[in-house]
Amino acid sequence: MRRLSLLKYLSFASAAFVFCSCGILFGFLLYYGAPVIDAKLFFGSTRPADALFRLLPVWDGIWPAFTGTLCLLALTMLMALVPGIGCGIFLARYATGRTKEFISLALDMLASVPSIVMGLFGFVMILMLRSTFAPNATTCISLAAFCLALLVMPALVVTTRTSIESISASVVLTGNALGFSESQLLRHLLLPSAGHGIMGGIMLSMGRAAEDTAVIMLTGVVVNSGLPAGLGAKFEALPFFIYYTAAQYTDHDELLRGFGAALVLLTLSATLFAASWMLQHIAEKRWKGIK
């Protein structure tokens, strides 16, 4: 009985520690970052309309970094979603024996790779391309997205696999009894039932891709490049802007801009999480037939 009480108090203390840590972090960023969030932080001396319609470049605001982060995140998820979820389905439903063990071991090794090593992998890959059949190859937003996709893919695979394997066997038996084919079983029963867990993996992957700095430092991010000009162009990103400002700021106002950018990045991540949760909630209601 005493052990249960101790465990109960320990769990309450752990929850309070997490809540207080998040509250302190958010409060710190709000205190320093909120006062500087305005049109000048995003667009600098450029008129917002000219920046939004790409009539004039923005060189003293975070708008190019904000846009670059969105583009990088979109490319990363496009590269990671189908292989990650597909591999999770394969491991949960079809892989057996040594094939399953080998793929699981490869995923564990990929998940343990530090982000800086993944960035070095992308950089070395460009050097190899230059020395072989692509002498003009260079670091760019596509390379950064590819390396980030490799970095976040294990989370997608594991959450998809775990979510499908945790579905009750009665659901599969019901589908088989109704004469569902394997594709119909996946589409109409297994994936909707595992949707909450899969969406959780997607949100974790999006958060990791949005905040990572080490990978993009070696694969194409720069301080000033303007809006992304294409898949093979250099780009700006909020994580690198925050890192560079913290390391190179020259006055207090410039440091406050870094806090403002950090708060914008945090808000962007929270908005993406909320949108993902809303989409998952709507899909779950449609699957259950709730209007």
C-alpha atoms as a PDB file:
ATOM      1  CA  MET A   1       0.000   0.000   0.000  1.00  0.00           C
ATOM      2  CA  ARG A   2       2.836   2.349   0.886  1.00  0.00           C
ATOM      3  CA  ARG A   3       4.531   1.581  -2.435  1.00  0.00           C
ATOM      4  CA  LEU A   4       1.334   2.466  -4.327  1.00  0.00           C
ATOM      5  CA  SER A   5       1.090   5.789  -2.495  1.00  0.00           C
ATOM      6  CA  LEU A   6       4.727   6.570  -3.252  1.00  0.00           C
ATOM      7  CA  LEU A   7       4.213   5.724  -6.918  1.00  0.00           C
ATOM      8  CA  LYS A   8       1.105   7.923  -6.997  1.00  0.00           C
ATOM      9  CA  TYR A   9       2.945  10.913  -5.524  1.00  0.00           C
ATOM     10  CA  LEU A  10       5.887  10.313  -7.855  1.00  0.00           C
ATOM     11  CA  SER A  11       3.591  10.320 -10.892  1.00  0.00           C
ATOM     12  CA  PHE A  12       1.953  13.571  -9.715  1.00  0.00           C
ATOM     13  CA  ALA A  13       5.373  15.135  -9.187  1.00  0.00           C
ATOM     14  CA  SER A  14       6.518  14.055 -12.653  1.00  0.00           C
ATOM     15  CA  ALA A  15       3.386  15.516 -14.263  1.00  0.00           C
ATOM     16  CA  ALA A  16       3.846  18.763 -12.331  1.00  0.00           C
ATOM     17  CA  PHE A  17       7.501  18.931 -13.408  1.00  0.00           C
ATOM     18  CA  VAL A  18       6.553  18.584 -17.095  1.00  0.00           C
ATOM     19  CA  PHE A  19       3.775  21.169 -16.757  1.00  0.00           C
ATOM     20  CA  CYS A  20       5.986  23.667 -14.934  1.00  0.00           C
ATOM     21  CA  SER A  21       8.878  23.195 -17.380  1.00  0.00           C
ATOM     22  CA  CYS A  22       6.619  23.862 -20.366  1.00  0.00           C
ATOM     23  CA  GLY A  23       5.040  26.831 -18.589  1.00  0.00           C
ATOM     24  CA  ILE A  24       8.425  28.384 -17.798  1.00  0.00           C
ATOM     25  CA  LEU A  25       9.631  27.877 -21.372  1.00  0.00           C
ATOM     26  CA  PHE A  26       6.505  29.370 -22.918  1.00  0.00           C
ATOM     27  CA  GLY A  27       6.451  32.231 -20.433  1.00  0.00           C
ATOM     28  CA  PHE A  28      10.112  33.037 -21.097  1.00  0.00           C
ATOM     29  CA  LEU A  29       9.569  33.148 -24.857  1.00  0.00           C
ATOM     30  CA  LEU A  30       6.370  35.181 -24.493  1.00  0.00           C
ATOM     31  CA  TYR A  31       8.052  37.711 -22.207  1.00  0.00           C
ATOM     32  CA  TYR A  32      10.938  38.387 -24.568  1.00  0.00           C
ATOM     33  CA  GLY A  33       9.449  37.494 -27.940  1.00  0.00           C
ATOM     34  CA  ALA A  34       5.862  38.744 -27.898  1.00  0.00           C
ATOM     35  CA  PRO A  35       6.707  42.492 -27.775  1.00  0.00           C
ATOM     36  CA  VAL A  36       8.706  42.295 -31.030  1.00  0.00           C
ATOM     37  CA  ILE A  37       6.221  40.278 -33.081  1.00  0.00           C
ATOM     38  CA  ASP A  38       4.875  42.697 -35.668  1.00  0.00           C
ATOM     39  CA  ALA A  39       5.048  43.355 -39.390  1.00  0.00           C
ATOM     40  CA  LYS A  40       8.585  44.723 -39.057  1.00  0.00           C
ATOM     41  CA  LEU A  41       9.832  41.433 -37.604  1.00  0.00           C
ATOM     42  CA  PHE A  42       8.493  39.558 -40.634  1.00  0.00           C
ATOM     43  CA  PHE A  43       9.066  42.043 -43.447  1.00  0.00           C
ATOM     44  CA  GLY A  44      11.604  44.543 -42.130  1.00  0.00           C
ATOM     45  CA  SER A  45      11.580  47.728 -44.198  1.00  0.00           C
ATOM     46  CA  THR A  46       9.694  46.087 -47.090  1.00  0.00           C
ATOM     47  CA  ARG A  47       5.984  46.717 -47.440  1.00  0.00           C
ATOM     48  CA  PRO A  48       4.024  43.554 -46.486  1.00  0.00           C
ATOM     49  CA  ALA A  49       2.042  43.615 -49.740  1.00  0.00           C
ATOM     50  CA  ASP A  50       5.241  43.816 -51.814  1.00  0.00           C
ATOM     51  CA  ALA A  51       6.753  40.920 -49.872  1.00  0.00           C
ATOM     52  CA  LEU A  52       3.639  38.706 -50.061  1.00  0.00           C
ATOM     53  CA  PHE A  53       3.289  39.191 -53.815  1.00  0.00           C
ATOM     54  CA  ARG A  54       7.068  38.830 -54.341  1.00  0.00           C
ATOM     55  CA  LEU A  55       7.383  42.308 -55.818  1.00  0.00           C
ATOM     56  CA  LEU A  56      10.346  43.180 -53.592  1.00  0.00           C
ATOM     57  CA  PRO A  57      12.757  40.976 -51.630  1.00  0.00           C
ATOM     58  CA  VAL A  58      12.929  40.936 -47.825  1.00  0.00           C
ATOM     59  CA  TRP A  59      16.464  41.141 -46.458  1.00  0.00           C
ATOM     60  CA  ASP A  60      15.925  42.364 -42.887  1.00  0.00           C
ATOM     61  CA  GLY A  61      12.920  40.284 -41.771  1.00  0.00           C
ATOM     62  CA  ILE A  62      12.130  36.643 -41.037  1.00  0.00           C
ATOM     63  CA  TRP A  63       9.590  36.227 -43.869  1.00  0.00           C
ATOM     64  CA  PRO A  64      12.036  34.318 -46.150  1.00  0.00           C
ATOM     65  CA  ALA A  65      13.009  32.068 -43.215  1.00  0.00           C
ATOM     66  CA  PHE A  66       9.348  31.490 -42.338  1.00  0.00           C
ATOM     67  CA  THR A  67       8.487  30.608 -45.933  1.00  0.00           C
ATOM     68  CA  GLY A  68      11.592  28.455 -46.271  1.00  0.00           C
ATOM     69  CA  THR A  69      10.628  26.502 -43.161  1.00  0.00           C
ATOM     70  CA  LEU A  70       7.154  25.813 -44.585  1.00  0.00           C
ATOM     71  CA  CYS A  71       8.592  24.690 -47.928  1.00  0.00           C
ATOM     72  CA  LEU A  72      11.195  22.504 -46.224  1.00  0.00           C
ATOM     73  CA  LEU A  73       8.561  20.929 -44.001  1.00  0.00           C
ATOM     74  CA  ALA A  74       6.236  20.238 -46.939  1.00  0.00           C
ATOM     75  CA  LEU A  75       9.031  18.613 -48.976  1.00  0.00           C
ATOM     76  CA  THR A  76      10.164  16.538 -46.020  1.00  0.00           C
ATOM     77  CA  MET A  77       6.701  15.138 -45.335  1.00  0.00           C
ATOM     78  CA  LEU A  78       6.131  14.442 -49.043  1.00  0.00           C
ATOM     79  CA  MET A  79       9.301  12.346 -49.050  1.00  0.00           C
ATOM     80  CA  ALA A  80       8.697  10.628 -45.711  1.00  0.00           C
ATOM     81  CA  LEU A  81       4.961   9.918 -45.474  1.00  0.00           C
ATOM     82  CA  VAL A  82       4.479   7.196 -48.091  1.00  0.00           C
ATOM     83  CA  PRO A  83       7.696   5.202 -47.342  1.00  0.00           C
ATOM     84  CA  GLY A  84       7.253   5.589 -43.576  1.00  0.00           C
ATOM     85  CA  ILE A  85       3.604   4.567 -43.361  1.00  0.00           C
ATOM     86  CA  GLY A  86       4.058   1.908 -46.065  1.00  0.00           C
ATOM     87  CA  CYS A  87       6.997   0.322 -44.225  1.00  0.00           C
ATOM     88  CA  GLY A  88       4.985   0.343 -40.991  1.00  0.00           C
ATOM     89  CA  ILE A  89       2.106  -1.461 -42.713  1.00  0.00           C
ATOM     90  CA  PHE A  90       4.524  -3.989 -44.215  1.00  0.00           C
ATOM     91  CA  LEU A  91       6.094  -4.763 -40.832  1.00  0.00           C
ATOM     92  CA  ALA A  92       2.719  -5.044 -39.095  1.00  0.00           C
ATOM     93  CA  ARG A  93       0.927  -7.168 -41.699  1.00  0.00           C
ATOM     94  CA  TYR A  94       3.284  -8.926 -44.078  1.00  0.00           C
ATOM     95  CA  ALA A  95       6.884  -9.152 -42.856  1.00  0.00           C
ATOM     96  CA  THR A  96       7.902 -12.353 -41.071  1.00  0.00           C
ATOM     97  CA  GLY A  97      10.999 -14.071 -39.807  1.00  0.00           C
ATOM     98  CA  ARG A  98      14.400 -12.680 -40.653  1.00  0.00           C
ATOM     99  CA  THR A  99      13.005 -10.085 -43.030  1.00  0.00           C
ATOM    100  CA  LYS A 100      11.091  -8.478 -40.189  1.00  0.00           C
ATOM    101  CA  GLU A 101      14.085  -8.675 -37.855  1.00  0.00           C
ATOM    102  CA  PHE A 102      16.435  -7.180 -40.455  1.00  0.00           C
ATOM    103  CA  ILE A 103      14.136  -4.239 -41.260  1.00  0.00           C
ATOM    104  CA  SER A 104      13.488  -3.605 -37.556  1.00  0.00           C
ATOM    105  CA  LEU A 105      17.241  -3.581 -36.886  1.00  0.00           C
ATOM    106  CA  ALA A 106      17.798  -1.168 -39.781  1.00  0.00           C
ATOM    107  CA  LEU A 107      15.109   1.139 -38.383  1.00  0.00           C
ATOM    108  CA  ASP A 108      16.664   1.049 -34.924  1.00  0.00           C
ATOM    109  CA  MET A 109      20.026   1.985 -36.400  1.00  0.00           C
ATOM    110  CA  LEU A 110      18.480   4.782 -38.461  1.00  0.00           C
ATOM    111  CA  ALA A 111      16.634   6.134 -35.415  1.00  0.00           C
ATOM    112  CA  SER A 112      19.893   6.240 -33.438  1.00  0.00           C
ATOM    113  CA  VAL A 113      21.748   8.349 -36.034  1.00  0.00           C
ATOM    114  CA  PRO A 114      22.423  11.855 -34.643  1.00  0.00           C
ATOM    115  CA  SER A 115      21.114  14.710 -36.746  1.00  0.00           C
ATOM    116  CA  ILE A 116      24.603  16.125 -37.325  1.00  0.00           C
ATOM    117  CA  VAL A 117      25.683  12.772 -38.798  1.00  0.00           C
ATOM    118  CA  MET A 118      22.672  12.843 -41.112  1.00  0.00           C
ATOM    119  CA  GLY A 119      23.742  16.308 -42.234  1.00  0.00           C
ATOM    120  CA  LEU A 120      27.258  15.020 -42.906  1.00  0.00           C
ATOM    121  CA  PHE A 121      25.751  12.173 -44.926  1.00  0.00           C
ATOM    122  CA  GLY A 122      23.964  14.669 -47.157  1.00  0.00           C
ATOM    123  CA  PHE A 123      27.083  16.793 -47.540  1.00  0.00           C
ATOM    124  CA  VAL A 124      29.252  13.783 -48.464  1.00  0.00           C
ATOM    125  CA  MET A 125      26.587  12.623 -50.922  1.00  0.00           C
ATOM    126  CA  ILE A 126      26.872  15.952 -52.747  1.00  0.00           C
ATOM    127  CA  LEU A 127      30.669  15.603 -52.856  1.00  0.00           C
ATOM    128  CA  MET A 128      30.317  12.124 -54.357  1.00  0.00           C
ATOM    129  CA  LEU A 129      27.886  13.407 -56.990  1.00  0.00           C
ATOM    130  CA  ARG A 130      30.295  16.202 -57.897  1.00  0.00           C
ATOM    131  CA  SER A 131      33.147  13.756 -58.394  1.00  0.00           C
ATOM    132  CA  THR A 132      31.107  11.372 -60.575  1.00  0.00           C
ATOM    133  CA  PHE A 133      28.328  12.379 -62.973  1.00  0.00           C
ATOM    134  CA  ALA A 134      26.942  15.655 -61.537  1.00  0.00           C
ATOM    135  CA  PRO A 135      29.773  18.226 -61.287  1.00  0.00           C
ATOM    136  CA  ASN A 136      27.304  21.059 -60.692  1.00  0.00           C
ATOM    137  CA  ALA A 137      25.536  19.379 -57.770  1.00  0.00           C
ATOM    138  CA  THR A 138      25.270  21.535 -54.675  1.00  0.00           C
ATOM    139  CA  THR A 139      23.500  21.651 -51.357  1.00  0.00           C
ATOM    140  CA  CYS A 140      19.880  22.773 -51.655  1.00  0.00           C
ATOM    141  CA  ILE A 141      16.437  22.557 -50.120  1.00  0.00           C
ATOM    142  CA  SER A 142      15.734  19.184 -51.787  1.00  0.00           C
ATOM    143  CA  LEU A 143      18.841  17.652 -50.210  1.00  0.00           C
ATOM    144  CA  ALA A 144      17.916  19.070 -46.803  1.00  0.00           C
ATOM    145  CA  ALA A 145      14.383  17.683 -47.117  1.00  0.00           C
ATOM    146  CA  PHE A 146      15.713  14.255 -48.122  1.00  0.00           C
ATOM    147  CA  CYS A 147      18.038  14.067 -45.115  1.00  0.00           C
ATOM    148  CA  LEU A 148      15.283  15.256 -42.781  1.00  0.00           C
ATOM    149  CA  ALA A 149      12.927  12.637 -44.252  1.00  0.00           C
ATOM    150  CA  LEU A 150      15.448   9.924 -43.389  1.00  0.00           C
ATOM    151  CA  LEU A 151      15.766  11.396 -39.905  1.00  0.00           C
ATOM    152  CA  VAL A 152      12.034  11.406 -39.116  1.00  0.00           C
ATOM    153  CA  MET A 153      11.027   8.239 -40.982  1.00  0.00           C
ATOM    154  CA  PRO A 154      11.649   5.821 -38.053  1.00  0.00           C
ATOM    155  CA  ALA A 155       9.017   7.618 -35.966  1.00  0.00           C
ATOM    156  CA  LEU A 156       6.468   7.183 -38.754  1.00  0.00           C
ATOM    157  CA  VAL A 157       7.309   3.519 -39.228  1.00  0.00           C
ATOM    158  CA  VAL A 158       7.225   2.639 -35.537  1.00  0.00           C
ATOM    159  CA  THR A 159       3.986   4.474 -34.756  1.00  0.00           C
ATOM    160  CA  THR A 160       2.244   2.992 -37.812  1.00  0.00           C
ATOM    161  CA  ARG A 161       3.412  -0.512 -36.992  1.00  0.00           C
ATOM    162  CA  THR A 162       2.534  -0.235 -33.302  1.00  0.00           C
ATOM    163  CA  SER A 163      -0.892   1.251 -34.019  1.00  0.00           C
ATOM    164  CA  ILE A 164      -1.842  -1.506 -36.482  1.00  0.00           C
ATOM    165  CA  GLU A 165      -0.477  -4.320 -34.312  1.00  0.00           C
ATOM    166  CA  SER A 166      -2.418  -3.027 -31.299  1.00  0.00           C
ATOM    167  CA  ILE A 167      -5.780  -3.331 -33.093  1.00  0.00           C
ATOM    168  CA  SER A 168      -7.949  -6.067 -31.668  1.00  0.00           C
ATOM    169  CA  ALA A 169      -7.942  -9.343 -33.585  1.00  0.00           C
ATOM    170  CA  SER A 170     -11.741  -9.207 -33.652  1.00  0.00           C
ATOM    171  CA  VAL A 171     -11.547  -6.277 -36.105  1.00  0.00           C
ATOM    172  CA  VAL A 172      -9.537  -8.384 -38.543  1.00  0.00           C
ATOM    173  CA  LEU A 173     -11.869 -11.349 -38.066  1.00  0.00           C
ATOM    174  CA  THR A 174     -14.864  -9.110 -38.737  1.00  0.00           C
ATOM    175  CA  GLY A 175     -13.335  -7.897 -41.980  1.00  0.00           C
ATOM    176  CA  ASN A 176     -12.529 -11.435 -43.084  1.00  0.00           C
ATOM    177  CA  ALA A 177     -16.053 -12.557 -42.217  1.00  0.00           C
ATOM    178  CA  LEU A 178     -17.477  -9.778 -44.370  1.00  0.00           C
ATOM    179  CA  GLY A 179     -15.355 -10.936 -47.303  1.00  0.00           C
ATOM    180  CA  PHE A 180     -12.994  -7.961 -47.371  1.00  0.00           C
ATOM    181  CA  SER A 181      -9.886  -8.256 -49.469  1.00  0.00           C
ATOM    182  CA  GLU A 182      -6.570  -7.285 -47.893  1.00  0.00           C
ATOM    183  CA  SER A 183      -6.662  -3.828 -49.474  1.00  0.00           C
ATOM    184  CA  GLN A 184     -10.265  -3.291 -48.346  1.00  0.00           C
ATOM    185  CA  LEU A 185      -9.354  -4.460 -44.854  1.00  0.00           C
ATOM    186  CA  LEU A 186      -6.531  -1.936 -44.669  1.00  0.00           C
ATOM    187  CA  ARG A 187      -8.510   0.924 -46.174  1.00  0.00           C
ATOM    188  CA  HIS A 188     -11.814   0.522 -44.334  1.00  0.00           C
ATOM    189  CA  LEU A 189     -10.836  -1.011 -40.981  1.00  0.00           C
ATOM    190  CA  LEU A 190      -7.167  -1.121 -40.030  1.00  0.00           C
ATOM    191  CA  LEU A 191      -5.959   2.321 -41.136  1.00  0.00           C
ATOM    192  CA  PRO A 192      -9.019   4.183 -39.738  1.00  0.00           C
ATOM    193  CA  SER A 193      -8.687   2.271 -36.458  1.00  0.00           C
ATOM    194  CA  ALA A 194      -4.970   3.082 -36.277  1.00  0.00           C
ATOM    195  CA  GLY A 195      -5.462   6.658 -37.496  1.00  0.00           C
ATOM    196  CA  HIS A 196      -4.931   8.262 -34.092  1.00  0.00           C
ATOM    197  CA  GLY A 197      -1.561   6.598 -33.585  1.00  0.00           C
ATOM    198  CA  ILE A 198      -0.431   7.233 -37.157  1.00  0.00           C
ATOM    199  CA  MET A 199      -1.379  10.902 -36.871  1.00  0.00           C
ATOM    200  CA  GLY A 200       0.622  11.084 -33.658  1.00  0.00           C
ATOM    201  CA  GLY A 201       3.659   9.826 -35.543  1.00  0.00           C
ATOM    202  CA  ILE A 202       3.075  12.375 -38.290  1.00  0.00           C
ATOM    203  CA  MET A 203       2.888  15.184 -35.741  1.00  0.00           C
ATOM    204  CA  LEU A 204       6.092  14.031 -34.049  1.00  0.00           C
ATOM    205  CA  SER A 205       7.821  13.889 -37.421  1.00  0.00           C
ATOM    206  CA  MET A 206       6.598  17.350 -38.394  1.00  0.00           C
ATOM    207  CA  GLY A 207       7.803  18.801 -35.103  1.00  0.00           C
ATOM    208  CA  ARG A 208      11.222  17.181 -35.479  1.00  0.00           C
ATOM    209  CA  ALA A 209      11.586  18.365 -39.074  1.00  0.00           C
ATOM    210  CA  ALA A 210      10.490  21.914 -38.249  1.00  0.00           C
ATOM    211  CA  GLU A 211      12.994  22.442 -35.431  1.00  0.00           C
ATOM    212  CA  ASP A 212      16.095  20.564 -36.551  1.00  0.00           C
ATOM    213  CA  THR A 213      19.141  22.737 -37.190  1.00  0.00           C
ATOM    214  CA  ALA A 214      22.108  20.395 -37.492  1.00  0.00           C
ATOM    215  CA  VAL A 215      20.907  18.721 -40.691  1.00  0.00           C
ATOM    216  CA  ILE A 216      20.080  21.878 -42.597  1.00  0.00           C
ATOM    217  CA  MET A 217      23.332  23.606 -41.590  1.00  0.00           C
ATOM    218  CA  LEU A 218      25.242  21.193 -43.838  1.00  0.00           C
ATOM    219  CA  THR A 219      22.704  20.707 -46.608  1.00  0.00           C
ATOM    220  CA  GLY A 220      21.791  24.112 -47.985  1.00  0.00           C
ATOM    221  CA  VAL A 221      20.554  26.645 -45.439  1.00  0.00           C
ATOM    222  CA  VAL A 222      22.090  30.123 -45.554  1.00  0.00           C
ATOM    223  CA  VAL A 223      21.628  33.403 -43.718  1.00  0.00           C
ATOM    224  CA  ASN A 224      20.317  35.468 -46.657  1.00  0.00           C
ATOM    225  CA  SER A 225      18.890  33.928 -49.813  1.00  0.00           C
ATOM    226  CA  GLY A 226      15.393  35.381 -50.107  1.00  0.00           C
ATOM    227  CA  LEU A 227      12.411  33.168 -50.818  1.00  0.00           C
ATOM    228  CA  PRO A 228      13.149  29.626 -52.068  1.00  0.00           C
ATOM    229  CA  ALA A 229      13.758  29.897 -55.830  1.00  0.00           C
ATOM    230  CA  GLY A 230      13.319  26.201 -56.624  1.00  0.00           C
ATOM    231  CA  LEU A 231      14.048  22.654 -55.526  1.00  0.00           C
ATOM    232  CA  GLY A 232      17.749  23.096 -56.265  1.00  0.00           C
ATOM    233  CA  ALA A 233      18.173  26.470 -54.553  1.00  0.00           C
ATOM    234  CA  LYS A 234      19.551  27.569 -51.214  1.00  0.00           C
ATOM    235  CA  PHE A 235      17.026  28.553 -48.586  1.00  0.00           C
ATOM    236  CA  GLU A 236      16.504  30.192 -45.231  1.00  0.00           C
ATOM    237  CA  ALA A 237      14.863  28.555 -42.210  1.00  0.00           C
ATOM    238  CA  LEU A 238      13.733  29.722 -38.789  1.00  0.00           C
ATOM    239  CA  PRO A 239      15.853  27.244 -36.742  1.00  0.00           C
ATOM    240  CA  PHE A 240      19.047  28.414 -38.427  1.00  0.00           C
ATOM    241  CA  PHE A 241      18.004  32.060 -38.141  1.00  0.00           C
ATOM    242  CA  ILE A 242      17.541  31.588 -34.383  1.00  0.00           C
ATOM    243  CA  TYR A 243      20.875  29.788 -34.062  1.00  0.00           C
ATOM    244  CA  TYR A 244      22.733  32.414 -36.105  1.00  0.00           C
ATOM    245  CA  THR A 245      21.146  35.303 -34.211  1.00  0.00           C
ATOM    246  CA  ALA A 246      22.013  33.774 -30.832  1.00  0.00           C
ATOM    247  CA  ALA A 247      25.623  33.297 -31.927  1.00  0.00           C
ATOM    248  CA  GLN A 248      26.193  36.527 -33.882  1.00  0.00           C
ATOM    249  CA  TYR A 249      23.871  39.210 -32.481  1.00  0.00           C
ATOM    250  CA  THR A 250      25.432  42.649 -32.103  1.00  0.00           C
ATOM    251  CA  ASP A 251      22.861  44.488 -29.994  1.00  0.00           C
ATOM    252  CA  HIS A 252      19.893  43.867 -27.712  1.00  0.00           C
ATOM    253  CA  ASP A 253      17.310  44.552 -30.417  1.00  0.00           C
ATOM    254  CA  GLU A 254      18.801  41.896 -32.678  1.00  0.00           C
ATOM    255  CA  LEU A 255      18.707  39.392 -29.816  1.00  0.00           C
ATOM    256  CA  LEU A 256      15.038  40.188 -29.236  1.00  0.00           C
ATOM    257  CA  ARG A 257      14.403  39.436 -32.909  1.00  0.00           C
ATOM    258  CA  GLY A 258      15.807  35.988 -32.245  1.00  0.00           C
ATOM    259  CA  PHE A 259      13.357  35.511 -29.371  1.00  0.00           C
ATOM    260  CA  GLY A 260      10.545  36.660 -31.648  1.00  0.00           C
ATOM    261  CA  ALA A 261      11.595  34.162 -34.310  1.00  0.00           C
ATOM    262  CA  ALA A 262      11.699  31.406 -31.675  1.00  0.00           C
ATOM    263  CA  LEU A 263       8.160  32.255 -30.598  1.00  0.00           C
ATOM    264  CA  VAL A 264       7.028  32.256 -34.247  1.00  0.00           C
ATOM    265  CA  LEU A 265       8.590  28.819 -34.762  1.00  0.00           C
ATOM    266  CA  LEU A 266       6.899  27.502 -31.632  1.00  0.00           C
ATOM    267  CA  THR A 267       3.573  28.940 -32.767  1.00  0.00           C
ATOM    268  CA  LEU A 268       4.032  27.404 -36.216  1.00  0.00           C
ATOM    269  CA  SER A 269       4.650  23.968 -34.697  1.00  0.00           C
ATOM    270  CA  ALA A 270       1.630  24.307 -32.407  1.00  0.00           C
ATOM    271  CA  THR A 271      -0.549  25.367 -35.361  1.00  0.00           C
ATOM    272  CA  LEU A 272       0.557  22.377 -37.419  1.00  0.00           C
ATOM    273  CA  PHE A 273      -0.146  20.056 -34.496  1.00  0.00           C
ATOM    274  CA  ALA A 274      -3.605  21.550 -34.016  1.00  0.00           C
ATOM    275  CA  ALA A 275      -4.408  21.259 -37.727  1.00  0.00           C
ATOM    276  CA  SER A 276      -3.250  17.629 -37.783  1.00  0.00           C
ATOM    277  CA  TRP A 277      -5.323  16.809 -34.722  1.00  0.00           C
ATOM    278  CA  MET A 278      -8.380  18.460 -36.271  1.00  0.00           C
ATOM    279  CA  LEU A 279      -7.988  16.515 -39.510  1.00  0.00           C
ATOM    280  CA  GLN A 280      -7.596  13.270 -37.583  1.00  0.00           C
ATOM    281  CA  HIS A 281     -10.668  14.077 -35.485  1.00  0.00           C
ATOM    282  CA  ILE A 282     -12.756  14.812 -38.588  1.00  0.00           C
ATOM    283  CA  ALA A 283     -11.573  11.607 -40.291  1.00  0.00           C
ATOM    284  CA  GLU A 284     -12.368   9.558 -37.183  1.00  0.00           C
ATOM    285  CA  LYS A 285     -15.875  11.025 -36.969  1.00  0.00           C
ATOM    286  CA  ARG A 286     -16.521  10.239 -40.637  1.00  0.00           C
ATOM    287  CA  TRP A 287     -15.294   6.664 -40.140  1.00  0.00           C
ATOM    288  CA  LYS A 288     -17.621   6.196 -37.185  1.00  0.00           C
ATOM    289  CA  GLY A 289     -20.516   7.772 -39.059  1.00  0.00           C
ATOM    290  CA  ILE A 290     -20.854  10.730 -36.681  1.00  0.00           C
ATOM    291  CA  LYS A 291     -22.074  13.993 -38.219  1.00  0.00           C
END
